[in-house]
Amino acid sequence: MTMLHNPVIRGFAPDPSLVRVGDWYYVATSSFEWFPTIPIHRSRDLAHWEYAGHVRGAAPGDSLAGVPDSGGIWAPSLSWDGERFWVVYAVVRSVGTPYFDTDTYVSTATEVGGKWSAPRRVASHGFDPALFPHEGRLWLLNLQNDHRPGGRRFAGIILTELDRETLSPVGGTHLLLQHERLVEGPKLLWRDGWFLLVLAEGGTGFEHGVRVARSRALTGAYELDDRPLLTSRDDPSLPLQKAGHGELVQTPGGDWVLSHLASRPLHTPDGPRCTLGRETAIQTVTWDAEGWPRLVHGGHHPAVEVDAPTRPHTQVATPDEELGWPWSTLRAAPDPSWADVTTRPGWIRLRGRHGPESRWAHSLLAQRITERRAEAEVTVEALPGTFTQTAGLVLRYNAEAYLSLDLTWAEPDGEGQHGQQWRGAGRTVLRLTERDEASTRSVTVVDVDAEAPVTLGVTVVGVTARFWHVRDGVRTAVGEPLDFGKLSDDHGSKLRFTGSMAGIHAVDLVDAAFTADFTGFRLTCW
């Protein structure tokens, strides 16, 4: 047995789809508007996970330009047919509207870190699709969305057979299940004469859960279990909240495990705040006398410490390419035209493009924050000549929730914001900015030496973020402590599905020619 500690993949890693191939377990997670698209981790013992690659080319044209925050690639489903991996996923182009405007795609590969086939569009009823290979046939599960006034956005789970070669629909579409409680994220498996339908239930917030239905016939009708397999919605004191979106997998020894998402909330006067987003967890499962899956430790609450039925096997993660994992970028992969690592060895040169609220071309490199205490630091060298040029260190959730400490230009001390930077007067400053859904605030402006590199940093403890820079070899605080809890799934009035990141960015709103050099980036989480 191997003791694992949940979450096993920490930080922004939601909607885990678990599959076993031989002695290896693989998990694919949602990437939304971020690249790399569909990160995949692997493990032999379910406790120690390493990045194994991603589904390259998952975004058609290698671009998600224009998709809204928390849009893009939702809930990929990974499967193995004995010869190759299959992944199916939806690209969601509208969030918070009656229309999801989804395109569902399928891609295949013989190795998860290898070449994936060009995505092929299939029937696109809704989001959270899954593939079910069974007895030589291929079936597509999906959510049905009724966008009409008075319709239900979660109007049932449907099943369509696909031709294995052309991926065209074969026959009609079957309605498997409708339920008064919101259900989504369907997964199918075959066990002991039953087709088991594993469902995400109750939405992806604090009401989330996993419910199972079953049928003797693939196309139904399906009978729901009278109780959830997993949920934390009835106990807000549990350390793992939002537990749901599960998938059942059998181990080589015949035991069963459940992958699922969960969050670790911080309790604040404004309510719980999940600053790390939704993460990947594992539970062990047994089967009761009536053939329903149950948690080994009893009840339906997620456990933090779990004895996994595997042999211990510590793994060492292998790095990806220089600007690959753990770096992430928005809506497109990093490109040498704006992220250059060759001109100045040991440095990353970013060419400024759109501002931090752009859905199109923001020059940003960021990494996931994985624990409640974190510290990021970087040295930046740049010569901004206008307030439209900035470069610095950023804590980011999305375009309406970020904190940034930027090297930029400002008018001479005592002069108002009149622009007129072309007259030559001005000074180089650090500007601390707080962006919230309701407003953008300039927290403070600090003069710095225009000719020397400057080291910027931020320390996060719980829901407090404190920015600093190094002056004369000493850390000097910049501005007041800021509310990191606003960079969470649970703040604001709009849907939020990702997680907080720390990174570097550059902006040039006029010429897209301004460059900034960064070195020594460090993100430590504990």
Protein backbone atom coordinates (compact mmCIF):
# COMPACT_ATOMS: atom_id res chain seq x y z
CA MET A 1 0.00 0.00 0.00
CA THR A 2 1.07 3.58 -0.68
CA MET A 3 -0.03 6.50 1.47
CA LEU A 4 -1.08 9.44 -0.69
CA HIS A 5 -1.86 12.96 0.46
CA ASN A 6 -4.66 14.82 -1.32
CA PRO A 7 -4.65 16.80 -3.48
CA VAL A 8 -2.12 14.73 -5.41
CA ILE A 9 -1.78 17.31 -8.22
CA ARG A 10 -1.81 20.65 -6.45
CA GLY A 11 -2.84 24.03 -7.73
CA PHE A 12 -4.96 24.68 -10.82
CA ALA A 13 -5.62 21.09 -12.07
CA PRO A 14 -9.40 20.62 -12.38
CA ASP A 15 -11.69 18.01 -13.95
CA PRO A 16 -9.21 15.11 -13.78
CA SER A 17 -9.75 12.29 -16.26
CA LEU A 18 -7.91 9.18 -15.06
CA VAL A 19 -6.88 6.19 -17.17
CA ARG A 20 -4.52 3.26 -16.52
CA VAL A 21 -2.28 1.77 -19.19
CA GLY A 22 -0.21 -1.12 -17.85
CA ASP A 23 1.54 0.05 -14.68
CA TRP A 24 1.08 3.75 -15.47
CA TYR A 25 -1.77 6.02 -14.50
CA TYR A 26 -2.42 9.13 -16.55
CA VAL A 27 -4.50 12.18 -15.66
CA ALA A 28 -5.62 14.84 -18.13
CA THR A 29 -6.95 18.13 -16.71
CA SER A 30 -8.76 21.19 -18.01
CA SER A 31 -6.65 24.06 -19.33
CA PHE A 32 -9.39 26.61 -20.21
CA GLU A 33 -7.80 29.69 -21.85
CA TRP A 34 -4.26 28.66 -20.87
CA PHE A 35 -1.50 26.91 -22.82
CA PRO A 36 -0.17 24.22 -22.74
CA THR A 37 -3.51 22.76 -23.75
CA ILE A 38 -4.71 19.73 -21.74
CA PRO A 39 -1.77 19.01 -19.41
CA ILE A 40 -1.24 15.31 -18.69
CA HIS A 41 0.46 13.93 -15.58
CA ARG A 42 1.50 10.35 -14.92
CA SER A 43 2.21 8.14 -11.90
CA ARG A 44 2.89 4.55 -11.01
CA ASP A 45 1.75 4.76 -7.40
CA LEU A 46 -1.06 7.37 -7.50
CA ALA A 47 0.81 9.43 -4.90
CA HIS A 48 3.72 10.93 -6.86
CA TRP A 49 2.84 12.60 -10.14
CA GLU A 50 4.97 14.12 -12.87
CA TYR A 51 4.17 16.20 -15.92
CA ALA A 52 4.16 13.88 -18.94
CA GLY A 53 3.23 16.23 -21.77
CA HIS A 54 0.12 17.82 -23.16
CA VAL A 55 -2.21 17.55 -26.12
CA ARG A 56 -0.33 19.71 -28.59
CA GLY A 57 -2.57 21.22 -31.21
CA ALA A 58 -5.74 20.75 -29.17
CA ALA A 59 -6.76 24.31 -30.01
CA PRO A 60 -7.48 24.47 -33.75
CA GLY A 61 -4.93 26.76 -35.35
CA ASP A 62 -3.00 26.70 -32.05
CA SER A 63 -5.01 29.69 -30.90
CA LEU A 64 -7.74 30.45 -28.40
CA ALA A 65 -7.66 34.16 -29.20
CA GLY A 66 -10.89 35.85 -28.21
CA VAL A 67 -12.23 33.21 -25.82
CA PRO A 68 -13.45 34.70 -22.54
CA ASP A 69 -11.89 34.14 -19.13
CA SER A 70 -12.69 30.59 -17.98
CA GLY A 71 -13.65 29.69 -21.54
CA GLY A 72 -11.52 27.58 -23.88
CA ILE A 73 -10.87 23.89 -23.24
CA TRP A 74 -13.17 22.34 -20.64
CA ALA A 75 -13.04 18.89 -19.05
CA PRO A 76 -11.05 16.70 -21.44
CA SER A 77 -11.75 12.98 -21.21
CA LEU A 78 -8.83 10.59 -21.71
CA SER A 79 -9.25 6.94 -22.71
CA TRP A 80 -7.18 4.02 -24.03
CA ASP A 81 -8.42 1.42 -26.50
CA GLY A 82 -5.49 -0.99 -26.22
CA GLU A 83 -3.51 0.63 -29.03
CA ARG A 84 -3.75 4.40 -28.64
CA PHE A 85 -4.90 7.18 -26.38
CA TRP A 86 -8.06 9.08 -27.23
CA VAL A 87 -8.96 12.50 -25.89
CA VAL A 88 -12.24 14.30 -26.41
CA TYR A 89 -12.92 17.83 -25.19
CA ALA A 90 -15.01 20.91 -25.83
CA VAL A 91 -13.76 24.36 -26.76
CA VAL A 92 -16.24 26.68 -25.03
CA ARG A 93 -16.47 30.13 -26.61
CA SER A 94 -19.24 31.68 -24.49
CA VAL A 95 -19.38 31.74 -20.69
CA GLY A 96 -22.31 32.98 -18.60
CA THR A 97 -24.76 33.06 -21.52
CA PRO A 98 -27.58 30.67 -22.55
CA TYR A 99 -25.33 29.52 -25.38
CA PHE A 100 -22.07 27.74 -24.62
CA ASP A 101 -21.10 27.92 -28.33
CA THR A 102 -19.08 24.72 -28.05
CA ASP A 103 -17.02 22.81 -30.56
CA THR A 104 -16.21 19.22 -29.56
CA TYR A 105 -12.98 17.67 -30.84
CA VAL A 106 -11.27 14.27 -30.78
CA SER A 107 -7.54 13.61 -31.04
CA THR A 108 -5.43 10.45 -30.68
CA ALA A 109 -1.81 9.54 -29.93
CA THR A 110 0.22 6.43 -29.21
CA GLU A 111 2.10 8.25 -26.40
CA VAL A 112 0.75 11.11 -24.30
CA GLY A 113 3.95 13.12 -24.71
CA GLY A 114 4.21 12.40 -28.42
CA LYS A 115 2.47 13.63 -31.53
CA TRP A 116 -1.29 14.02 -31.28
CA SER A 117 -3.43 13.85 -34.39
CA ALA A 118 -5.03 17.02 -35.71
CA PRO A 119 -8.28 17.58 -33.82
CA ARG A 120 -11.42 16.44 -35.61
CA ARG A 121 -14.75 18.03 -34.79
CA VAL A 122 -17.56 15.71 -33.75
CA ALA A 123 -21.18 16.21 -32.69
CA SER A 124 -21.14 19.16 -30.28
CA HIS A 125 -24.22 19.02 -28.09
CA GLY A 126 -22.57 20.56 -25.02
CA PHE A 127 -19.48 20.51 -22.84
CA ASP A 128 -17.85 17.71 -20.78
CA PRO A 129 -17.88 15.04 -23.51
CA ALA A 130 -16.40 11.56 -23.00
CA LEU A 131 -15.62 8.58 -25.23
CA PHE A 132 -16.59 5.02 -24.35
CA PRO A 133 -14.87 2.31 -26.44
CA HIS A 134 -16.84 -0.93 -26.01
CA GLU A 135 -16.67 -4.23 -27.93
CA GLY A 136 -15.08 -2.61 -30.96
CA ARG A 137 -17.52 0.29 -31.10
CA LEU A 138 -17.04 3.91 -30.08
CA TRP A 139 -19.63 5.95 -28.21
CA LEU A 140 -19.70 9.69 -27.45
CA LEU A 141 -21.27 10.89 -24.21
CA ASN A 142 -22.26 14.49 -23.79
CA LEU A 143 -24.37 16.99 -21.93
CA GLN A 144 -27.48 18.33 -23.63
CA ASN A 145 -27.96 22.11 -23.38
CA ASP A 146 -31.38 23.71 -23.96
CA HIS A 147 -30.60 27.38 -24.62
CA ARG A 148 -34.23 28.40 -25.21
CA PRO A 149 -36.03 30.72 -22.78
CA GLY A 150 -37.34 28.47 -20.04
CA GLY A 151 -34.95 25.70 -21.08
CA ARG A 152 -32.50 23.88 -18.81
CA ARG A 153 -28.79 24.50 -19.41
CA PHE A 154 -28.19 20.99 -18.05
CA ALA A 155 -30.96 19.12 -19.82
CA GLY A 156 -29.70 15.55 -19.58
CA ILE A 157 -26.96 13.12 -20.59
CA ILE A 158 -26.97 11.82 -24.15
CA LEU A 159 -25.11 9.11 -26.08
CA THR A 160 -24.20 8.94 -29.79
CA GLU A 161 -22.30 6.18 -31.58
CA LEU A 162 -19.39 7.35 -33.75
CA ASP A 163 -17.78 5.59 -36.66
CA ARG A 164 -14.28 4.71 -35.42
CA GLU A 165 -12.59 5.91 -38.60
CA THR A 166 -14.61 8.91 -39.76
CA LEU A 167 -16.01 9.90 -36.32
CA SER A 168 -19.33 10.58 -38.03
CA PRO A 169 -22.52 9.79 -36.08
CA VAL A 170 -23.92 6.29 -36.54
CA GLY A 171 -27.64 5.97 -35.93
CA GLY A 172 -29.52 8.30 -33.63
CA THR A 173 -28.80 10.03 -30.32
CA HIS A 174 -30.02 8.41 -27.11
CA LEU A 175 -31.12 10.24 -23.95
CA LEU A 176 -29.66 8.30 -21.02
CA LEU A 177 -30.71 10.32 -18.00
CA GLN A 178 -32.41 13.50 -16.86
CA HIS A 179 -32.35 14.57 -13.24
CA GLU A 180 -33.75 17.45 -11.20
CA ARG A 181 -30.29 18.09 -9.77
CA LEU A 182 -27.69 19.41 -12.21
CA VAL A 183 -25.65 16.54 -13.71
CA GLU A 184 -22.74 16.76 -16.13
CA GLY A 185 -19.29 15.23 -16.76
CA PRO A 186 -20.54 11.74 -17.73
CA LYS A 187 -18.16 8.77 -17.79
CA LEU A 188 -19.15 5.19 -18.68
CA LEU A 189 -17.65 1.87 -17.63
CA TRP A 190 -18.68 -1.78 -17.87
CA ARG A 191 -18.54 -4.02 -14.79
CA ASP A 192 -20.25 -7.30 -13.87
CA GLY A 193 -23.02 -6.96 -16.43
CA TRP A 194 -23.76 -3.33 -15.62
CA PHE A 195 -23.10 -0.15 -17.54
CA LEU A 196 -22.17 2.37 -14.86
CA LEU A 197 -22.64 6.06 -15.58
CA VAL A 198 -20.44 8.23 -13.32
CA LEU A 199 -21.75 11.78 -13.12
CA ALA A 200 -20.65 15.14 -11.78
CA GLU A 201 -23.56 16.42 -9.73
CA GLY A 202 -24.64 19.77 -8.32
CA GLY A 203 -22.38 22.14 -10.24
CA THR A 204 -18.67 22.72 -9.75
CA GLY A 205 -18.89 24.86 -6.59
CA PHE A 206 -19.46 23.92 -2.98
CA GLU A 207 -22.53 21.83 -3.94
CA HIS A 208 -20.42 19.56 -6.17
CA GLY A 209 -20.48 15.78 -5.92
CA VAL A 210 -20.24 12.43 -7.71
CA ARG A 211 -23.36 10.33 -8.32
CA VAL A 212 -23.54 6.96 -10.12
CA ALA A 213 -26.33 5.52 -12.26
CA ARG A 214 -26.49 2.10 -13.92
CA SER A 215 -28.29 0.07 -16.55
CA ARG A 216 -28.17 -3.42 -18.02
CA ALA A 217 -28.45 -1.84 -21.48
CA LEU A 218 -25.99 0.68 -22.84
CA THR A 219 -28.70 3.03 -24.08
CA GLY A 220 -30.68 2.87 -20.83
CA ALA A 221 -32.85 3.42 -18.96
CA TYR A 222 -30.43 4.30 -16.12
CA GLU A 223 -31.25 3.97 -12.43
CA LEU A 224 -29.63 6.49 -10.08
CA ASP A 225 -27.97 5.38 -6.87
CA ASP A 226 -29.97 6.70 -3.94
CA ARG A 227 -26.94 8.44 -2.40
CA PRO A 228 -23.82 10.20 -3.65
CA LEU A 229 -20.56 8.35 -4.02
CA LEU A 230 -18.65 11.49 -3.05
CA THR A 231 -19.46 15.01 -1.88
CA SER A 232 -18.41 17.52 0.76
CA ARG A 233 -21.46 19.79 0.41
CA ASP A 234 -22.97 18.78 3.76
CA ASP A 235 -19.91 19.66 5.88
CA PRO A 236 -18.20 23.04 5.31
CA SER A 237 -15.54 22.17 7.88
CA LEU A 238 -13.94 19.50 5.68
CA PRO A 239 -10.46 20.44 4.40
CA LEU A 240 -11.36 19.26 0.88
CA GLN A 241 -14.37 21.10 -0.53
CA LYS A 242 -16.12 21.12 -3.93
CA ALA A 243 -15.38 17.38 -4.26
CA GLY A 244 -16.81 16.07 -7.52
CA HIS A 245 -16.29 15.29 -11.22
CA GLY A 246 -15.10 11.72 -10.72
CA GLU A 247 -13.82 8.81 -12.77
CA LEU A 248 -13.44 5.17 -11.68
CA VAL A 249 -10.38 3.11 -12.67
CA GLN A 250 -9.30 -0.42 -11.78
CA THR A 251 -5.75 -1.10 -10.58
CA PRO A 252 -3.64 -4.00 -11.90
CA GLY A 253 -4.48 -5.89 -8.70
CA GLY A 254 -8.21 -5.59 -9.22
CA ASP A 255 -8.86 -2.78 -6.72
CA TRP A 256 -10.65 0.44 -7.66
CA VAL A 257 -9.83 4.12 -7.28
CA LEU A 258 -11.72 7.33 -7.96
CA SER A 259 -10.13 10.47 -9.34
CA HIS A 260 -11.96 13.72 -8.59
CA LEU A 261 -11.48 17.44 -8.21
CA ALA A 262 -11.43 19.26 -4.87
CA SER A 263 -10.49 22.65 -3.46
CA ARG A 264 -8.77 23.77 -0.26
CA PRO A 265 -10.64 26.89 0.90
CA LEU A 266 -9.29 29.62 3.11
CA HIS A 267 -11.92 30.85 5.56
CA THR A 268 -12.23 34.63 5.53
CA PRO A 269 -14.75 37.20 6.83
CA ASP A 270 -16.03 37.39 3.23
CA GLY A 271 -16.57 33.65 3.08
CA PRO A 272 -14.42 30.76 1.81
CA ARG A 273 -11.84 31.61 -0.83
CA CYS A 274 -10.25 28.91 -3.02
CA THR A 275 -7.21 30.82 -4.24
CA LEU A 276 -5.51 27.67 -5.59
CA GLY A 277 -8.44 26.77 -7.80
CA ARG A 278 -9.68 23.21 -8.16
CA GLU A 279 -7.12 20.43 -7.76
CA THR A 280 -6.82 16.69 -8.44
CA ALA A 281 -7.46 14.11 -5.69
CA ILE A 282 -7.70 10.31 -5.45
CA GLN A 283 -9.92 8.09 -3.26
CA THR A 284 -10.07 4.30 -2.93
CA VAL A 285 -13.33 2.54 -3.74
CA THR A 286 -14.98 -0.76 -2.94
CA TRP A 287 -18.30 -2.28 -4.07
CA ASP A 288 -21.26 -3.02 -1.85
CA ALA A 289 -23.41 -6.14 -1.95
CA GLU A 290 -25.77 -4.56 -4.48
CA GLY A 291 -22.96 -3.64 -6.85
CA TRP A 292 -22.72 0.10 -6.13
CA PRO A 293 -19.32 1.78 -5.63
CA ARG A 294 -18.56 3.11 -2.14
CA LEU A 295 -15.57 4.86 -0.56
CA VAL A 296 -13.32 2.39 1.27
CA HIS A 297 -13.17 4.61 4.36
CA GLY A 298 -16.96 4.81 4.51
CA GLY A 299 -19.44 7.61 4.01
CA HIS A 300 -19.16 10.04 1.11
CA HIS A 301 -16.63 12.63 2.32
CA PRO A 302 -13.23 12.95 0.60
CA ALA A 303 -10.24 11.85 2.67
CA VAL A 304 -6.95 13.75 2.75
CA GLU A 305 -4.81 10.72 3.68
CA VAL A 306 -5.55 7.63 1.58
CA ASP A 307 -3.96 4.19 1.49
CA ALA A 308 -3.69 3.46 -2.22
CA PRO A 309 -3.52 -0.19 -3.37
CA THR A 310 -0.23 0.29 -5.23
CA ARG A 311 3.45 -0.25 -4.63
CA PRO A 312 5.55 2.78 -3.65
CA HIS A 313 7.39 4.29 -6.59
CA THR A 314 9.00 7.70 -6.31
CA GLN A 315 9.39 9.49 -9.61
CA VAL A 316 11.56 12.37 -10.73
CA ALA A 317 9.90 14.91 -12.95
CA THR A 318 11.58 15.63 -16.26
CA PRO A 319 11.58 19.21 -17.52
CA ASP A 320 9.91 20.21 -20.76
CA GLU A 321 11.43 22.63 -23.29
CA GLU A 322 12.86 25.92 -21.96
CA LEU A 323 9.59 27.84 -22.00
CA GLY A 324 7.48 24.74 -21.49
CA TRP A 325 6.07 23.33 -18.27
CA PRO A 326 5.67 24.71 -15.63
CA TRP A 327 5.33 27.93 -17.65
CA SER A 328 1.89 28.74 -19.03
CA THR A 329 0.68 31.38 -21.47
CA LEU A 330 -2.68 32.88 -22.37
CA ARG A 331 -4.62 31.78 -25.45
CA ALA A 332 -1.53 30.77 -27.46
CA ALA A 333 1.78 28.98 -26.92
CA PRO A 334 4.90 31.08 -26.29
CA ASP A 335 6.43 32.35 -29.51
CA PRO A 336 10.00 33.62 -30.11
CA SER A 337 8.53 36.75 -31.66
CA TRP A 338 7.53 37.94 -28.18
CA ALA A 339 9.21 35.52 -25.75
CA ASP A 340 12.92 35.33 -26.63
CA VAL A 341 15.39 33.16 -24.68
CA THR A 342 18.29 33.22 -27.17
CA THR A 343 19.30 36.86 -27.59
CA ARG A 344 20.52 37.24 -24.02
CA PRO A 345 21.46 33.88 -22.49
CA GLY A 346 20.13 33.42 -18.98
CA TRP A 347 17.42 36.01 -19.55
CA ILE A 348 13.89 35.99 -20.97
CA ARG A 349 13.15 38.94 -23.22
CA LEU A 350 9.48 39.80 -23.52
CA ARG A 351 8.21 42.14 -26.21
CA GLY A 352 5.26 44.12 -24.97
CA ARG A 353 1.93 43.70 -26.70
CA HIS A 354 -1.66 44.11 -25.46
CA GLY A 355 -2.62 45.02 -21.93
CA PRO A 356 -3.37 42.51 -19.14
CA GLU A 357 -7.11 42.50 -19.92
CA SER A 358 -6.68 41.50 -23.57
CA ARG A 359 -8.22 38.29 -24.91
CA TRP A 360 -5.85 38.33 -27.85
CA ALA A 361 -2.12 39.03 -27.41
CA HIS A 362 -0.89 39.54 -23.84
CA SER A 363 2.86 38.85 -23.42
CA LEU A 364 2.66 36.82 -20.21
CA LEU A 365 4.52 33.82 -18.79
CA ALA A 366 3.09 32.42 -15.56
CA GLN A 367 3.27 29.40 -13.26
CA ARG A 368 0.67 27.82 -10.99
CA ILE A 369 0.59 28.70 -7.30
CA THR A 370 0.20 25.39 -5.50
CA GLU A 371 0.15 26.18 -1.78
CA ARG A 372 -1.28 28.75 0.63
CA ARG A 373 2.14 30.24 1.27
CA ALA A 374 4.11 31.31 -1.78
CA GLU A 375 6.86 33.68 -2.81
CA ALA A 376 7.77 34.89 -6.29
CA GLU A 377 10.80 36.93 -7.29
CA VAL A 378 12.35 38.18 -10.53
CA THR A 379 14.89 40.74 -11.73
CA VAL A 380 13.78 42.98 -14.59
CA GLU A 381 15.75 45.37 -16.76
CA ALA A 382 13.86 47.77 -19.05
CA LEU A 383 13.69 51.43 -20.10
CA PRO A 384 10.02 52.40 -20.45
CA GLY A 385 9.58 55.75 -22.15
CA THR A 386 5.81 56.11 -21.83
CA PHE A 387 2.97 55.13 -19.54
CA THR A 388 1.86 52.75 -22.32
CA GLN A 389 4.97 50.62 -21.69
CA THR A 390 5.14 48.44 -18.57
CA ALA A 391 6.89 45.27 -17.45
CA GLY A 392 6.93 43.45 -14.16
CA LEU A 393 5.71 40.80 -11.77
CA VAL A 394 2.06 39.77 -11.65
CA LEU A 395 -0.25 37.63 -9.56
CA ARG A 396 -3.13 36.74 -11.85
CA TYR A 397 -6.42 34.91 -11.73
CA ASN A 398 -7.96 36.42 -14.85
CA ALA A 399 -8.38 39.71 -16.71
CA GLU A 400 -10.55 41.12 -13.94
CA ALA A 401 -8.57 39.81 -10.98
CA TYR A 402 -4.84 40.50 -10.79
CA LEU A 403 -2.17 42.30 -8.78
CA SER A 404 0.93 43.63 -10.54
CA LEU A 405 4.11 45.48 -9.66
CA ASP A 406 5.38 47.06 -12.87
CA LEU A 407 8.36 49.06 -14.03
CA THR A 408 6.91 51.93 -16.07
CA TRP A 409 7.04 55.68 -16.86
CA ALA A 410 5.31 58.48 -14.94
CA GLU A 411 5.11 62.26 -15.19
CA PRO A 412 7.59 64.34 -13.15
CA ASP A 413 6.91 64.34 -9.43
CA GLY A 414 4.03 66.66 -8.62
CA GLU A 415 2.65 66.80 -12.15
CA GLY A 416 -0.75 65.34 -12.95
CA GLN A 417 -1.46 62.58 -15.46
CA HIS A 418 -1.30 64.71 -18.59
CA GLY A 419 0.35 62.16 -20.88
CA GLN A 420 2.75 64.20 -23.02
CA GLN A 421 5.51 61.67 -22.49
CA TRP A 422 6.85 62.58 -25.93
CA ARG A 423 8.15 65.87 -24.47
CA GLY A 424 10.93 63.91 -22.77
CA ALA A 425 10.21 64.76 -19.16
CA GLY A 426 9.32 61.99 -16.76
CA ARG A 427 10.70 59.39 -14.39
CA THR A 428 10.98 55.62 -14.09
CA VAL A 429 8.78 54.18 -11.37
CA LEU A 430 7.32 51.03 -9.92
CA ARG A 431 3.53 51.11 -10.03
CA LEU A 432 1.53 48.69 -7.89
CA THR A 433 -1.88 47.98 -9.41
CA GLU A 434 -4.88 46.13 -8.01
CA ARG A 435 -7.53 44.97 -10.50
CA ASP A 436 -10.86 43.76 -9.23
CA GLU A 437 -14.06 42.99 -11.09
CA ALA A 438 -15.47 46.37 -10.04
CA SER A 439 -12.46 48.67 -10.52
CA THR A 440 -8.74 49.17 -11.15
CA ARG A 441 -6.70 50.94 -8.48
CA SER A 442 -3.21 52.37 -8.54
CA VAL A 443 -2.07 51.45 -5.04
CA THR A 444 1.22 53.34 -4.99
CA VAL A 445 4.05 54.68 -7.17
CA VAL A 446 7.71 54.38 -6.14
CA ASP A 447 10.71 56.00 -7.88
CA VAL A 448 13.55 53.70 -8.95
CA ASP A 449 16.89 54.00 -10.74
CA ALA A 450 16.14 54.01 -14.47
CA GLU A 451 19.55 52.64 -15.44
CA ALA A 452 19.82 49.60 -13.17
CA PRO A 453 18.01 46.23 -13.07
CA VAL A 454 15.46 46.02 -10.29
CA THR A 455 14.45 42.93 -8.32
CA LEU A 456 10.73 42.60 -7.67
CA GLY A 457 9.00 40.16 -5.36
CA VAL A 458 5.77 39.22 -3.65
CA THR A 459 5.02 37.10 -0.60
CA VAL A 460 1.63 35.42 -0.23
CA VAL A 461 0.41 34.16 3.13
CA GLY A 462 -3.16 32.92 3.04
CA VAL A 463 -5.25 35.73 1.57
CA THR A 464 -2.62 38.43 2.02
CA ALA A 465 -0.16 39.43 -0.71
CA ARG A 466 2.71 41.80 0.09
CA PHE A 467 4.83 43.15 -2.77
CA TRP A 468 8.41 44.31 -2.34
CA HIS A 469 11.52 45.30 -4.25
CA VAL A 470 15.17 45.07 -3.34
CA ARG A 471 16.86 48.41 -2.60
CA ASP A 472 20.49 48.52 -1.43
CA GLY A 473 20.38 44.78 -0.87
CA VAL A 474 17.36 45.01 1.43
CA ARG A 475 13.77 44.06 0.75
CA THR A 476 11.60 47.16 0.83
CA ALA A 477 7.83 46.84 0.98
CA VAL A 478 5.85 48.48 -1.82
CA GLY A 479 2.44 49.75 -0.80
CA GLU A 480 0.02 48.13 1.59
CA PRO A 481 -0.82 44.43 1.98
CA LEU A 482 -3.36 43.43 -0.67
CA ASP A 483 -6.25 40.96 -0.66
CA PHE A 484 -5.11 37.84 -2.49
CA GLY A 485 -8.52 36.30 -1.75
CA LYS A 486 -9.92 38.31 -4.66
CA LEU A 487 -7.83 36.07 -6.92
CA SER A 488 -10.01 33.04 -6.27
CA ASP A 489 -12.82 30.96 -7.73
CA ASP A 490 -15.26 32.42 -5.23
CA HIS A 491 -14.85 36.21 -5.46
CA GLY A 492 -16.97 38.42 -7.68
CA SER A 493 -20.21 37.86 -9.55
CA LYS A 494 -18.97 36.00 -12.65
CA LEU A 495 -18.16 32.34 -13.25
CA ARG A 496 -14.54 31.47 -12.45
CA PHE A 497 -13.03 28.05 -13.14
CA THR A 498 -9.22 28.36 -13.18
CA GLY A 499 -6.66 29.20 -10.46
CA SER A 500 -4.12 31.79 -9.34
CA MET A 501 -0.79 32.15 -11.16
CA ALA A 502 2.45 34.08 -10.61
CA GLY A 503 4.45 35.34 -13.56
CA ILE A 504 6.05 38.04 -15.65
CA HIS A 505 4.54 40.23 -18.34
CA ALA A 506 5.26 43.14 -20.66
CA VAL A 507 2.96 45.68 -22.32
CA ASP A 508 3.39 48.12 -25.18
CA LEU A 509 0.06 49.54 -26.26
CA VAL A 510 1.38 51.80 -29.02
CA ASP A 511 4.18 50.18 -31.01
CA ALA A 512 4.48 46.62 -29.65
CA ALA A 513 8.23 47.24 -29.79
CA PHE A 514 9.19 47.86 -26.14
CA THR A 515 11.15 44.98 -24.62
CA ALA A 516 11.97 43.98 -21.06
CA ASP A 517 14.56 41.44 -19.91
CA PHE A 518 13.87 39.12 -16.96
CA THR A 519 16.18 36.79 -15.06
CA GLY A 520 16.16 34.70 -11.91
CA PHE A 521 12.43 34.03 -11.81
CA ARG A 522 11.63 31.94 -8.76
CA LEU A 523 8.28 30.69 -7.45
CA THR A 524 8.41 28.83 -4.14
CA CYS A 525 5.24 27.34 -2.63
CA TRP A 526 4.98 25.66 0.76
